[in-house]
Structures are given as C-alpha cells and as structure tokens.
Amino acid sequence: MAAYANVRVGKLRLKGSESSAASSMSTKNKQKKRKAEPTQNDVDKVDTTKHGGWWKASYFAELTGPVAIEFFPFSYIKSCDNGTFTFGAPHNEGDEPYPEEILTAVRISDTRIALKSGYGKYLSVTSNGKVVGRSEAIGALEQWDPVFEDGKLALMSSSNQCFLTCKNDDELTATATSAGLDEFVKIRSNAERNVKKASVIEEEEDASQVELHYVKQFQCFQDKKIKVNPGDVKNLDAARKSGTLHETLLDRREKMKSDRMCK
C-alpha cells in the first residue's frame, strides 16, 4: 500500500479528451494556414493567366523577343501608323496584347536594349522628349536602359537620361529625371522562359556571323545567294563595344544596295 501512496494522482487524460482535441485542432489549423499561403510561383502563374499568357520580366536577361509594356493594369503602350505612341484601352482579364501593342526587344549590350514597333521602326526620343518609332536602325537615340530595383522596373533613355513616363495621357514621352509611380512599368513577354538560351546572342559570335544573321532578316535574295559587304569586319567589333553595332550594320548594308530595307 505504501508503494501506491507514492504514485502521483492526477486527472486521467484520454485520447479524444478536450485538451487532446484542442491540440489536434490547433495542429490542423496550422496545416490549413500553411497550405493556404500561396507561393510566389503560384502568384506568378495567376498573374500570367490573367494577362493571356504574358509573364512579367523580372531581370535583364528576360528582355528579348516579343514584349508588351504595361503602364496601367491590363493597359499597354500602343504604336500608331504615324510613328507615335499612346496608351491602349484596358483589356479584360485573360486577354493578350493586341498586335499594335507588341514590340520587339533587341539586346545591344549587357545593360541596354532597343525596342522595335510592329511597323518595323525603332523607338527613339526627340529633342523635346517625345517617344517616336521612325528609325530604320539602332543609333544613340534608340538605346534604352532597363533599371530594376526592389522588384520595380523603369525604362531610361540612354540619349537624354530621362525615364519613360505616363504623365501625359495622350502620348508617350521620356522626360522624367527620376523614377516614381508614373515611371514604373511592367514588361511582359510570351517567349519561352529560357534565360540560358536567350543569353546566347551576338556576344558569343564573331563579327562576320553577326552580320550574316542580320542581313538574312532583310535582304532580297538574288540567285538564291546572300550578299554580304566584303569589307573588313574589324569596325564591327569596335561598334559592338561602343553600342553602335546595328547602326554600323545598316551602313554596310546600304553600301551593298541590295536590301529592301536600306535607306
């Protein structure tokens, strides 16, 4: 009996009792809460679906090929046939950009791109800061610096160091000296998200191959032969480093007088 007196007496806790049930309920609530929290990947998928399969670019390597610049929710910049740009009407969820709202991003260097409209002209900035698309080739005025910071993106013109802005509701300008709410954009793409593949561009090719690929895009073939400027290609290497590669390529094609797109 003395042995039983030393046994600590307490309330018997059975499986399924109130405290046990409360503990089990707490665990289930935590699991439900954990499952309910969407991952960033889930958020991105929903966002892409809402924009008709066009995903938001998050870093420079993704800026290549067909793109659309979204200034307002579901609203993109729109190119006009007179070479000017305006803001398109908002789309419904699930709709993709219209053809006149799709641009082509061309990477010039590790930090700069050029943008070509659906009319085949490059976007440039005039002396008063107006953005137009009337250039046949990429020069100093046609270069843009995408600036990524804290998950936001702004496009700065390399020529006047001003940001693309939506302060004017009627036309697109690059007149803002700093980036704020009116300058933040989302650049969307429907290209395959393969950064490694996208990064294998002109930087890994020699100058002669770069010129050959460039000529193939525009030349009217005669006798099924591609005609390339026979001159020295050393100036192409220098142009690539200085950011004037496409302008130099156009000059070389112009001298051949066999391309339908030359001036």
Protein backbone atom coordinates (compact mmCIF):
# COMPACT_ATOMS: atom_id res chain seq x y z
CA MET A 1 0.00 0.00 0.00
CA ALA A 2 2.90 2.34 0.76
CA ALA A 3 4.03 1.98 -2.82
CA TYR A 4 0.65 3.18 -4.06
CA ALA A 5 0.82 6.24 -1.81
CA ASN A 6 3.90 7.47 -3.68
CA VAL A 7 2.10 7.42 -7.02
CA ARG A 8 1.22 10.94 -8.24
CA VAL A 9 -2.51 11.25 -8.66
CA GLY A 10 -3.84 13.42 -11.45
CA LYS A 11 -6.63 13.76 -13.93
CA LEU A 12 -6.61 10.95 -16.43
CA ARG A 13 -6.17 12.23 -20.00
CA LEU A 14 -7.82 10.04 -22.54
CA LYS A 15 -7.35 10.13 -26.28
CA GLY A 16 -10.09 12.34 -27.63
CA SER A 17 -10.41 14.39 -24.45
CA GLU A 18 -10.94 18.19 -24.58
CA SER A 19 -7.26 19.10 -24.25
CA SER A 20 -6.23 16.48 -26.77
CA ALA A 21 -8.90 17.65 -29.20
CA ALA A 22 -7.83 21.27 -28.78
CA SER A 23 -4.24 20.34 -29.52
CA SER A 24 -5.29 18.36 -32.58
CA MET A 25 -7.47 21.25 -33.80
CA SER A 26 -4.59 23.68 -33.38
CA THR A 27 -2.32 21.46 -35.46
CA LYS A 28 -4.94 21.16 -38.20
CA ASN A 29 -5.44 24.95 -38.29
CA LYS A 30 -1.70 25.47 -38.67
CA GLN A 31 -1.60 22.96 -41.52
CA LYS A 32 -4.55 24.63 -43.24
CA LYS A 33 -2.93 28.04 -42.85
CA ARG A 34 0.31 26.70 -44.23
CA LYS A 35 -1.48 25.23 -47.24
CA ALA A 36 -3.49 28.41 -47.82
CA GLU A 37 -0.42 30.62 -48.18
CA PRO A 38 0.36 30.85 -51.94
CA THR A 39 3.95 30.69 -53.11
CA GLN A 40 5.50 33.31 -55.36
CA ASN A 41 5.32 30.79 -58.18
CA ASP A 42 1.56 30.46 -57.65
CA VAL A 43 1.17 34.24 -57.70
CA ASP A 44 3.17 34.49 -60.93
CA LYS A 45 1.08 31.79 -62.60
CA VAL A 46 -2.16 33.55 -61.73
CA ASP A 47 -0.77 36.88 -62.96
CA THR A 48 0.36 35.29 -66.24
CA THR A 49 -3.04 33.68 -66.80
CA LYS A 50 -4.80 37.00 -66.19
CA HIS A 51 -2.65 38.58 -68.92
CA GLY A 52 -3.33 35.96 -71.57
CA GLY A 53 -0.11 34.00 -71.02
CA TRP A 54 2.19 37.05 -71.00
CA TRP A 55 4.51 36.87 -67.96
CA LYS A 56 6.29 39.73 -66.22
CA ALA A 57 10.03 40.08 -66.81
CA SER A 58 11.99 40.31 -63.56
CA TYR A 59 15.55 40.83 -64.78
CA PHE A 60 17.51 41.98 -67.82
CA ALA A 61 18.20 38.56 -69.36
CA GLU A 62 14.45 38.10 -69.93
CA LEU A 63 14.14 41.22 -72.09
CA THR A 64 14.34 39.80 -75.57
CA GLY A 65 11.90 38.98 -78.37
CA PRO A 66 8.21 39.97 -78.34
CA VAL A 67 7.30 42.19 -75.39
CA ALA A 68 4.48 44.47 -74.25
CA ILE A 69 4.97 47.45 -71.92
CA GLU A 70 2.22 47.67 -69.31
CA PHE A 71 1.90 51.12 -67.70
CA PHE A 72 -1.55 50.68 -66.16
CA PRO A 73 -3.27 47.42 -65.11
CA PHE A 74 -4.08 45.47 -68.29
CA SER A 75 -3.22 48.52 -70.45
CA TYR A 76 -0.17 48.64 -72.77
CA ILE A 77 1.54 51.29 -74.84
CA LYS A 78 0.26 51.25 -78.41
CA SER A 79 2.10 52.15 -81.62
CA CYS A 80 0.32 54.26 -84.24
CA ASP A 81 0.86 54.19 -88.00
CA ASN A 82 2.26 57.75 -87.94
CA GLY A 83 5.20 56.68 -85.74
CA THR A 84 3.82 57.99 -82.45
CA PHE A 85 2.75 56.10 -79.34
CA THR A 86 -0.20 56.29 -77.00
CA PHE A 87 -1.80 54.18 -74.25
CA GLY A 88 -4.20 51.43 -75.25
CA ALA A 89 -7.56 50.81 -73.59
CA PRO A 90 -7.55 48.34 -70.66
CA HIS A 91 -8.00 44.67 -71.59
CA ASN A 92 -10.29 42.17 -69.93
CA GLU A 93 -8.66 39.53 -67.72
CA GLY A 94 -7.33 36.68 -69.84
CA ASP A 95 -6.84 38.81 -72.97
CA GLU A 96 -3.39 39.13 -74.52
CA PRO A 97 -1.98 42.36 -76.01
CA TYR A 98 -3.15 43.46 -79.45
CA PRO A 99 -0.61 43.33 -82.35
CA GLU A 100 -0.12 47.12 -82.25
CA GLU A 101 0.79 46.81 -78.56
CA ILE A 102 3.56 44.27 -79.16
CA LEU A 103 7.17 45.41 -79.53
CA THR A 104 10.38 43.53 -80.17
CA ALA A 105 13.19 43.88 -77.63
CA VAL A 106 16.71 43.71 -79.08
CA ARG A 107 19.61 43.48 -76.66
CA ILE A 108 22.50 45.76 -77.61
CA SER A 109 24.81 45.14 -74.64
CA ASP A 110 24.70 43.69 -71.13
CA THR A 111 22.68 46.68 -69.91
CA ARG A 112 20.91 48.19 -72.92
CA ILE A 113 18.14 47.25 -75.30
CA ALA A 114 16.40 48.69 -78.34
CA LEU A 115 12.66 48.41 -78.96
CA LYS A 116 11.10 47.93 -82.38
CA SER A 117 7.43 48.53 -83.11
CA GLY A 118 5.18 46.31 -85.17
CA TYR A 119 5.77 48.71 -88.06
CA GLY A 120 9.45 47.70 -88.12
CA LYS A 121 10.76 51.01 -86.71
CA TYR A 122 12.90 51.54 -83.61
CA LEU A 123 11.76 53.69 -80.70
CA SER A 124 13.78 56.87 -80.21
CA VAL A 125 13.48 60.13 -78.28
CA THR A 126 13.17 63.55 -79.95
CA SER A 127 14.78 66.74 -78.67
CA ASN A 128 11.64 67.63 -76.70
CA GLY A 129 11.44 64.18 -75.08
CA LYS A 130 8.68 62.72 -77.24
CA VAL A 131 8.97 59.00 -77.99
CA VAL A 132 8.53 58.07 -81.65
CA GLY A 133 9.08 54.97 -83.75
CA ARG A 134 10.53 56.09 -87.08
CA SER A 135 14.15 54.91 -87.10
CA GLU A 136 15.39 52.24 -89.50
CA ALA A 137 18.47 51.39 -87.43
CA ILE A 138 19.73 51.49 -83.87
CA GLY A 139 21.80 54.55 -83.01
CA ALA A 140 22.42 56.57 -79.87
CA LEU A 141 18.82 57.83 -79.75
CA GLU A 142 17.33 54.33 -79.95
CA GLN A 143 19.00 52.83 -76.89
CA TRP A 144 17.24 52.20 -73.55
CA ASP A 145 18.48 51.22 -70.09
CA PRO A 146 16.07 48.99 -68.12
CA VAL A 147 16.52 49.84 -64.43
CA PHE A 148 15.44 47.11 -61.98
CA GLU A 149 15.23 47.98 -58.28
CA ASP A 150 13.23 46.45 -55.39
CA GLY A 151 11.01 44.48 -57.76
CA LYS A 152 10.16 47.55 -59.85
CA LEU A 153 11.22 48.47 -63.38
CA ALA A 154 11.68 51.78 -65.17
CA LEU A 155 12.99 52.45 -68.70
CA MET A 156 15.56 55.19 -69.10
CA SER A 157 16.51 56.67 -72.45
CA SER A 158 20.27 56.41 -72.93
CA SER A 159 20.28 59.60 -75.02
CA ASN A 160 18.75 62.09 -72.57
CA GLN A 161 18.99 60.10 -69.29
CA CYS A 162 15.25 60.55 -68.69
CA PHE A 163 12.68 57.90 -67.85
CA LEU A 164 9.72 56.77 -69.89
CA THR A 165 6.65 58.29 -68.23
CA CYS A 166 2.86 58.33 -68.45
CA LYS A 167 2.32 61.86 -67.14
CA ASN A 168 0.82 62.84 -70.49
CA ASP A 169 -2.27 60.73 -71.20
CA ASP A 170 -2.14 61.33 -74.94
CA GLU A 171 1.43 60.46 -75.87
CA LEU A 172 4.48 58.62 -74.67
CA THR A 173 7.43 60.72 -73.50
CA ALA A 174 10.80 60.28 -71.83
CA THR A 175 11.03 63.44 -69.75
CA ALA A 176 11.18 62.31 -66.11
CA THR A 177 14.58 62.85 -64.46
CA SER A 178 13.74 60.38 -61.68
CA ALA A 179 11.60 57.26 -61.45
CA GLY A 180 8.36 57.29 -59.46
CA LEU A 181 4.86 55.85 -59.74
CA ASP A 182 4.34 57.45 -63.16
CA GLU A 183 7.51 55.82 -64.49
CA PHE A 184 7.19 52.25 -63.19
CA VAL A 185 6.29 49.75 -65.89
CA LYS A 186 5.89 46.03 -66.34
CA ILE A 187 7.45 44.50 -69.40
CA ARG A 188 5.64 41.32 -70.36
CA SER A 189 6.72 38.55 -72.71
CA ASN A 190 5.19 35.39 -74.13
CA ALA A 191 8.53 33.89 -75.13
CA GLU A 192 9.78 30.66 -73.60
CA ARG A 193 11.37 31.41 -70.23
CA ASN A 194 14.81 30.05 -71.01
CA VAL A 195 17.40 32.59 -69.89
CA LYS A 196 20.34 30.46 -70.96
CA LYS A 197 19.01 30.16 -74.48
CA ALA A 198 18.09 33.85 -74.60
CA SER A 199 21.54 34.92 -73.49
CA VAL A 200 23.30 33.20 -76.39
CA ILE A 201 23.17 36.24 -78.64
CA GLU A 202 25.68 38.23 -80.63
CA GLU A 203 28.21 38.34 -77.78
CA GLU A 204 29.23 34.71 -78.46
CA GLU A 205 29.52 35.09 -82.25
CA ASP A 206 32.27 36.65 -84.31
CA ALA A 207 31.52 39.80 -86.28
CA SER A 208 31.10 38.06 -89.65
CA GLN A 209 28.43 35.72 -88.26
CA VAL A 210 26.60 38.62 -86.63
CA GLU A 211 26.46 40.46 -89.96
CA LEU A 212 25.32 37.33 -91.82
CA HIS A 213 22.41 36.75 -89.42
CA TYR A 214 21.48 40.42 -89.59
CA VAL A 215 21.48 40.52 -93.40
CA LYS A 216 19.28 37.42 -93.62
CA GLN A 217 16.46 39.32 -91.91
CA PHE A 218 16.16 41.98 -94.61
CA GLN A 219 17.91 41.07 -97.86
CA CYS A 220 16.04 40.28 -101.05
CA PHE A 221 17.86 37.19 -102.23
CA GLN A 222 19.16 37.28 -105.79
CA ASP A 223 20.08 33.99 -107.48
CA LYS A 224 19.47 32.37 -104.07
CA LYS A 225 22.70 33.92 -102.78
CA ILE A 226 23.11 36.12 -99.73
CA LYS A 227 25.24 39.17 -100.41
CA VAL A 228 27.32 40.49 -97.51
CA ASN A 229 29.61 43.52 -97.55
CA PRO A 230 33.10 42.18 -98.41
CA GLY A 231 34.84 44.92 -96.43
CA ASP A 232 36.84 44.42 -93.25
CA VAL A 233 34.71 43.47 -90.23
CA LYS A 234 37.08 44.92 -87.62
CA ASN A 235 34.93 48.03 -87.34
CA LEU A 236 32.02 45.80 -86.30
CA ASP A 237 33.90 44.64 -83.20
CA ALA A 238 34.53 48.25 -82.23
CA ALA A 239 30.89 49.16 -82.93
CA ARG A 240 29.67 46.32 -80.74
CA LYS A 241 31.71 47.59 -77.79
CA SER A 242 30.51 51.18 -78.28
CA GLY A 243 26.84 50.22 -78.68
CA THR A 244 26.54 51.28 -82.35
CA LEU A 245 26.56 47.79 -83.88
CA HIS A 246 23.17 47.92 -85.60
CA GLU A 247 23.79 51.41 -87.00
CA THR A 248 27.10 50.21 -88.49
CA LEU A 249 25.43 47.10 -89.93
CA LEU A 250 22.84 49.29 -91.67
CA ASP A 251 25.59 51.47 -93.17
CA ARG A 252 27.34 48.36 -94.51
CA ARG A 253 24.09 47.03 -95.98
CA GLU A 254 23.33 50.41 -97.55
CA LYS A 255 26.61 50.31 -99.45
CA MET A 256 25.60 46.93 -100.95
CA LYS A 257 22.37 48.50 -102.37
CA SER A 258 20.67 45.10 -102.43
CA ASP A 259 18.47 45.26 -99.35
CA ARG A 260 14.82 46.29 -99.48
CA MET A 261 15.06 47.90 -96.02
CA CYS A 262 18.16 50.06 -96.61
CA LYS A 263 17.81 53.85 -96.80
